[in-house]
Amino acid sequence: MLFLGSCLFISIQQRLHQEKLERIKYSREINEGAGNIKPGMTIEEVIKVVGHPPDSIVKSENETTLDWSAFYHYGTLTDTLYEKNAVGIYWLIVKFDINDKVVNIGEGAD
């Protein structure tokens, strides 16, 4: 019984570690993509450069905002066992004008 408990504990720890590595990889990819975004690019160009679809799209009368955040990419096991923590999470926000051209880029890590 102790052996099975130890195996389960190790399996859970391995999965949590894998989920953390996937979140770090996602953060790194959107960070690298952010460095290639230039004013005047279209929404489609930005999505292609970032390499991932945005986690949210907010449209208003005068602008469109695309948001990527590793915060939304916690794994299922991490979501189940732990409260989400934004510390060390990379995010990217890109704002577009009425013509869907980049006008502002915000990025950082919490």
N, C-alpha and C. Protein backbone atom coordinates (compact mmCIF):
# COMPACT_ATOMS: atom_id res chain seq x y z
N MET A 1 0.82 -1.20 0.00
CA MET A 1 0.00 0.00 0.00
C MET A 1 0.86 1.26 0.00
N LEU A 2 1.90 1.25 0.79
CA LEU A 2 2.82 2.38 0.83
C LEU A 2 3.46 2.60 -0.53
N PHE A 3 3.79 1.50 -1.20
CA PHE A 3 4.40 1.58 -2.53
C PHE A 3 3.44 2.25 -3.52
N LEU A 4 2.16 1.87 -3.49
CA LEU A 4 1.17 2.47 -4.39
C LEU A 4 0.98 3.95 -4.09
N GLY A 5 0.96 4.29 -2.82
CA GLY A 5 0.84 5.70 -2.43
C GLY A 5 2.02 6.51 -2.90
N SER A 6 3.21 5.95 -2.79
CA SER A 6 4.42 6.63 -3.26
C SER A 6 4.38 6.81 -4.77
N CYS A 7 3.94 5.78 -5.49
CA CYS A 7 3.85 5.86 -6.96
C CYS A 7 2.85 6.94 -7.37
N LEU A 8 1.73 7.01 -6.70
CA LEU A 8 0.72 8.02 -7.00
C LEU A 8 1.27 9.42 -6.73
N PHE A 9 1.93 9.60 -5.61
CA PHE A 9 2.51 10.90 -5.27
C PHE A 9 3.53 11.33 -6.33
N ILE A 10 4.39 10.41 -6.74
CA ILE A 10 5.41 10.73 -7.76
C ILE A 10 4.74 11.06 -9.08
N SER A 11 3.71 10.33 -9.45
CA SER A 11 2.99 10.58 -10.70
C SER A 11 2.36 11.97 -10.70
N ILE A 12 1.75 12.35 -9.59
CA ILE A 12 1.13 13.68 -9.48
C ILE A 12 2.20 14.76 -9.57
N GLN A 13 3.31 14.57 -8.89
CA GLN A 13 4.39 15.56 -8.93
C GLN A 13 4.94 15.71 -10.35
N GLN A 14 5.08 14.61 -11.06
CA GLN A 14 5.57 14.68 -12.44
C GLN A 14 4.60 15.44 -13.33
N ARG A 15 3.31 15.20 -13.16
CA ARG A 15 2.30 15.89 -13.96
C ARG A 15 2.29 17.39 -13.64
N LEU A 16 2.37 17.74 -12.38
CA LEU A 16 2.42 19.16 -12.01
C LEU A 16 3.64 19.84 -12.61
N HIS A 17 4.76 19.16 -12.60
CA HIS A 17 5.98 19.71 -13.19
C HIS A 17 5.81 19.88 -14.70
N GLN A 18 5.20 18.91 -15.36
CA GLN A 18 4.96 19.01 -16.81
C GLN A 18 4.05 20.19 -17.13
N GLU A 19 3.00 20.39 -16.34
CA GLU A 19 2.10 21.51 -16.55
C GLU A 19 2.83 22.84 -16.37
N LYS A 20 3.71 22.92 -15.40
CA LYS A 20 4.48 24.14 -15.18
C LYS A 20 5.40 24.41 -16.36
N LEU A 21 6.05 23.38 -16.88
CA LEU A 21 6.93 23.55 -18.04
C LEU A 21 6.15 23.99 -19.27
N GLU A 22 4.95 23.47 -19.46
CA GLU A 22 4.10 23.88 -20.59
C GLU A 22 3.72 25.35 -20.47
N ARG A 23 3.40 25.80 -19.25
CA ARG A 23 3.04 27.21 -19.02
C ARG A 23 4.25 28.12 -19.27
N ILE A 24 5.43 27.69 -18.85
CA ILE A 24 6.65 28.46 -19.09
C ILE A 24 6.94 28.54 -20.59
N LYS A 25 6.76 27.44 -21.29
CA LYS A 25 6.97 27.41 -22.75
C LYS A 25 6.02 28.38 -23.44
N TYR A 26 4.75 28.36 -23.05
CA TYR A 26 3.77 29.28 -23.63
C TYR A 26 4.18 30.72 -23.37
N SER A 27 4.60 31.02 -22.14
CA SER A 27 5.05 32.37 -21.80
C SER A 27 6.21 32.80 -22.70
N ARG A 28 7.17 31.91 -22.87
CA ARG A 28 8.35 32.22 -23.69
C ARG A 28 7.94 32.46 -25.14
N GLU A 29 7.03 31.66 -25.66
CA GLU A 29 6.61 31.81 -27.06
C GLU A 29 5.89 33.12 -27.31
N ILE A 30 4.98 33.51 -26.40
CA ILE A 30 4.30 34.78 -26.63
C ILE A 30 5.24 35.96 -26.39
N ASN A 31 6.19 35.80 -25.49
CA ASN A 31 7.20 36.84 -25.27
C ASN A 31 8.04 37.05 -26.52
N GLU A 32 8.50 35.96 -27.13
CA GLU A 32 9.29 36.06 -28.35
C GLU A 32 8.47 36.67 -29.49
N GLY A 33 7.21 36.27 -29.60
CA GLY A 33 6.35 36.83 -30.62
C GLY A 33 6.12 38.32 -30.43
N ALA A 34 5.99 38.75 -29.17
CA ALA A 34 5.75 40.16 -28.87
C ALA A 34 6.88 41.04 -29.40
N GLY A 35 8.10 40.50 -29.39
CA GLY A 35 9.25 41.27 -29.87
C GLY A 35 9.23 41.53 -31.36
N ASN A 36 8.35 40.81 -32.08
CA ASN A 36 8.26 40.98 -33.54
C ASN A 36 7.04 41.76 -33.98
N ILE A 37 6.25 42.24 -33.03
CA ILE A 37 5.05 43.02 -33.37
C ILE A 37 5.46 44.47 -33.62
N LYS A 38 4.98 45.01 -34.72
CA LYS A 38 5.29 46.39 -35.10
C LYS A 38 4.00 47.18 -35.27
N PRO A 39 4.05 48.49 -34.97
CA PRO A 39 2.87 49.34 -35.22
C PRO A 39 2.45 49.23 -36.68
N GLY A 40 1.13 49.18 -36.88
CA GLY A 40 0.59 49.10 -38.23
C GLY A 40 0.30 47.69 -38.71
N MET A 41 0.75 46.67 -37.97
CA MET A 41 0.46 45.29 -38.36
C MET A 41 -1.03 45.02 -38.19
N THR A 42 -1.56 44.07 -38.97
CA THR A 42 -2.96 43.70 -38.86
C THR A 42 -3.15 42.65 -37.77
N ILE A 43 -4.40 42.40 -37.42
CA ILE A 43 -4.73 41.39 -36.43
C ILE A 43 -4.19 40.03 -36.86
N GLU A 44 -4.40 39.66 -38.10
CA GLU A 44 -3.95 38.37 -38.61
C GLU A 44 -2.43 38.25 -38.55
N GLU A 45 -1.72 39.32 -38.89
CA GLU A 45 -0.26 39.31 -38.84
C GLU A 45 0.23 39.12 -37.40
N VAL A 46 -0.42 39.79 -36.46
CA VAL A 46 -0.02 39.68 -35.05
C VAL A 46 -0.24 38.26 -34.54
N ILE A 47 -1.38 37.68 -34.84
CA ILE A 47 -1.66 36.32 -34.40
C ILE A 47 -0.63 35.35 -34.98
N LYS A 48 -0.27 35.55 -36.23
CA LYS A 48 0.74 34.69 -36.87
C LYS A 48 2.10 34.85 -36.19
N VAL A 49 2.48 36.08 -35.88
CA VAL A 49 3.78 36.35 -35.25
C VAL A 49 3.83 35.78 -33.83
N VAL A 50 2.74 35.91 -33.09
CA VAL A 50 2.70 35.40 -31.71
C VAL A 50 2.70 33.87 -31.72
N GLY A 51 2.04 33.29 -32.69
CA GLY A 51 2.06 31.83 -32.81
C GLY A 51 0.98 31.11 -32.05
N HIS A 52 0.10 31.86 -31.41
CA HIS A 52 -1.02 31.28 -30.65
C HIS A 52 -2.24 32.17 -30.85
N PRO A 53 -3.43 31.58 -30.88
CA PRO A 53 -4.62 32.44 -30.90
C PRO A 53 -4.73 33.20 -29.58
N PRO A 54 -5.30 34.38 -29.60
CA PRO A 54 -5.43 35.14 -28.35
C PRO A 54 -6.37 34.44 -27.37
N ASP A 55 -6.13 34.68 -26.09
CA ASP A 55 -6.99 34.13 -25.05
C ASP A 55 -8.29 34.91 -24.94
N SER A 56 -8.26 36.16 -25.34
CA SER A 56 -9.50 36.94 -25.38
C SER A 56 -9.39 38.01 -26.45
N ILE A 57 -10.55 38.35 -26.99
CA ILE A 57 -10.67 39.43 -27.97
C ILE A 57 -11.82 40.31 -27.50
N VAL A 58 -11.51 41.60 -27.32
CA VAL A 58 -12.53 42.56 -26.90
C VAL A 58 -12.64 43.62 -27.99
N LYS A 59 -13.85 43.75 -28.53
CA LYS A 59 -14.08 44.75 -29.58
C LYS A 59 -14.98 45.85 -29.02
N SER A 60 -14.61 47.07 -29.34
CA SER A 60 -15.46 48.21 -29.00
C SER A 60 -15.66 49.01 -30.29
N GLU A 61 -16.30 50.12 -30.14
CA GLU A 61 -16.59 50.94 -31.31
C GLU A 61 -15.32 51.45 -31.98
N ASN A 62 -14.30 51.79 -31.18
CA ASN A 62 -13.11 52.44 -31.72
C ASN A 62 -11.86 51.57 -31.73
N GLU A 63 -11.88 50.41 -31.07
CA GLU A 63 -10.66 49.60 -31.01
C GLU A 63 -10.98 48.13 -30.77
N THR A 64 -9.97 47.32 -31.03
CA THR A 64 -10.02 45.89 -30.74
C THR A 64 -8.80 45.58 -29.88
N THR A 65 -8.99 44.77 -28.85
CA THR A 65 -7.89 44.40 -27.97
C THR A 65 -7.75 42.88 -27.96
N LEU A 66 -6.54 42.41 -28.21
CA LEU A 66 -6.22 40.99 -28.12
C LEU A 66 -5.34 40.78 -26.90
N ASP A 67 -5.61 39.70 -26.18
CA ASP A 67 -4.92 39.43 -24.92
C ASP A 67 -4.42 37.99 -24.90
N TRP A 68 -3.14 37.84 -24.57
CA TRP A 68 -2.54 36.52 -24.33
C TRP A 68 -2.01 36.54 -22.91
N SER A 69 -2.23 35.46 -22.18
CA SER A 69 -1.70 35.37 -20.82
C SER A 69 -1.50 33.92 -20.43
N ALA A 70 -0.33 33.62 -19.92
CA ALA A 70 -0.05 32.27 -19.44
C ALA A 70 -0.93 31.94 -18.24
N PHE A 71 -1.54 32.94 -17.62
CA PHE A 71 -2.45 32.71 -16.50
C PHE A 71 -3.59 31.77 -16.90
N TYR A 72 -4.01 31.83 -18.15
CA TYR A 72 -5.11 31.00 -18.63
C TYR A 72 -4.64 29.60 -19.03
N HIS A 73 -3.37 29.32 -18.86
CA HIS A 73 -2.81 28.06 -19.34
C HIS A 73 -2.26 27.20 -18.21
N TYR A 74 -2.93 27.24 -17.08
CA TYR A 74 -2.64 26.29 -16.01
C TYR A 74 -3.20 24.95 -16.46
N GLY A 75 -2.56 23.87 -16.11
CA GLY A 75 -3.07 22.55 -16.47
C GLY A 75 -4.23 22.14 -15.59
N THR A 76 -4.90 21.10 -15.99
CA THR A 76 -6.07 20.61 -15.27
C THR A 76 -5.73 20.21 -13.84
N LEU A 77 -4.64 19.52 -13.65
CA LEU A 77 -4.26 19.09 -12.31
C LEU A 77 -3.91 20.28 -11.42
N THR A 78 -3.18 21.24 -11.97
CA THR A 78 -2.83 22.44 -11.20
C THR A 78 -4.10 23.20 -10.82
N ASP A 79 -5.04 23.32 -11.78
CA ASP A 79 -6.31 23.98 -11.49
C ASP A 79 -7.07 23.29 -10.36
N THR A 80 -7.01 21.97 -10.34
CA THR A 80 -7.75 21.19 -9.37
C THR A 80 -7.14 21.27 -7.97
N LEU A 81 -5.82 21.21 -7.90
CA LEU A 81 -5.15 21.10 -6.60
C LEU A 81 -4.76 22.43 -5.97
N TYR A 82 -4.57 23.45 -6.79
CA TYR A 82 -4.03 24.71 -6.26
C TYR A 82 -4.85 25.90 -6.72
N GLU A 83 -4.81 26.94 -5.91
CA GLU A 83 -5.39 28.21 -6.32
C GLU A 83 -4.45 28.84 -7.34
N LYS A 84 -5.02 29.40 -8.39
CA LYS A 84 -4.18 30.04 -9.42
C LYS A 84 -3.41 31.19 -8.81
N ASN A 85 -2.17 31.32 -9.22
CA ASN A 85 -1.29 32.38 -8.74
C ASN A 85 -0.69 33.06 -9.96
N ALA A 86 -0.84 34.36 -10.07
CA ALA A 86 -0.37 35.09 -11.24
C ALA A 86 1.11 35.45 -11.17
N VAL A 87 1.77 35.13 -10.09
CA VAL A 87 3.18 35.51 -9.94
C VAL A 87 4.02 34.81 -11.01
N GLY A 88 4.83 35.59 -11.72
CA GLY A 88 5.71 35.04 -12.74
C GLY A 88 5.01 34.71 -14.04
N ILE A 89 3.78 35.14 -14.20
CA ILE A 89 3.01 34.84 -15.40
C ILE A 89 3.20 35.96 -16.42
N TYR A 90 3.58 35.59 -17.65
CA TYR A 90 3.79 36.56 -18.72
C TYR A 90 2.46 36.86 -19.40
N TRP A 91 2.28 38.11 -19.78
CA TRP A 91 1.07 38.52 -20.50
C TRP A 91 1.43 39.47 -21.63
N LEU A 92 0.54 39.54 -22.62
CA LEU A 92 0.70 40.41 -23.78
C LEU A 92 -0.67 40.95 -24.15
N ILE A 93 -0.75 42.26 -24.31
CA ILE A 93 -1.99 42.91 -24.74
C ILE A 93 -1.65 43.79 -25.94
N VAL A 94 -2.41 43.60 -27.02
CA VAL A 94 -2.19 44.39 -28.24
C VAL A 94 -3.49 45.09 -28.59
N LYS A 95 -3.40 46.41 -28.76
CA LYS A 95 -4.58 47.20 -29.12
C LYS A 95 -4.49 47.60 -30.59
N PHE A 96 -5.64 47.56 -31.26
CA PHE A 96 -5.75 47.89 -32.67
C PHE A 96 -6.74 49.04 -32.85
N ASP A 97 -6.48 49.88 -33.85
CA ASP A 97 -7.39 51.00 -34.12
C ASP A 97 -8.62 50.51 -34.89
N ILE A 98 -9.43 51.45 -35.32
CA ILE A 98 -10.66 51.14 -36.03
C ILE A 98 -10.40 50.42 -37.35
N ASN A 99 -9.18 50.58 -37.90
CA ASN A 99 -8.80 49.90 -39.15
C ASN A 99 -8.08 48.58 -38.89
N ASP A 100 -8.12 48.12 -37.65
CA ASP A 100 -7.48 46.86 -37.23
C ASP A 100 -5.97 46.86 -37.46
N LYS A 101 -5.33 48.00 -37.16
CA LYS A 101 -3.87 48.12 -37.22
C LYS A 101 -3.35 48.35 -35.80
N VAL A 102 -2.19 47.75 -35.49
CA VAL A 102 -1.61 47.87 -34.15
C VAL A 102 -1.32 49.33 -33.81
N VAL A 103 -1.78 49.75 -32.63
CA VAL A 103 -1.48 51.10 -32.15
C VAL A 103 -0.78 51.08 -30.79
N ASN A 104 -0.91 49.96 -30.04
CA ASN A 104 -0.30 49.91 -28.73
C ASN A 104 -0.01 48.47 -28.34
N ILE A 105 1.15 48.26 -27.72
CA ILE A 105 1.55 46.93 -27.27
C ILE A 105 1.92 47.03 -25.80
N GLY A 106 1.32 46.19 -25.00
CA GLY A 106 1.67 46.11 -23.58
C GLY A 106 2.07 44.69 -23.26
N GLU A 107 3.13 44.54 -22.47
CA GLU A 107 3.58 43.21 -22.09
C GLU A 107 4.28 43.27 -20.75
N GLY A 108 4.38 42.12 -20.12
CA GLY A 108 5.08 42.08 -18.85
C GLY A 108 4.84 40.78 -18.14
N ALA A 109 5.28 40.74 -16.91
CA ALA A 109 5.09 39.55 -16.07
C ALA A 109 4.66 40.01 -14.69
N ASP A 110 3.72 39.29 -14.13
CA ASP A 110 3.23 39.62 -12.78
C ASP A 110 4.09 38.94 -11.75
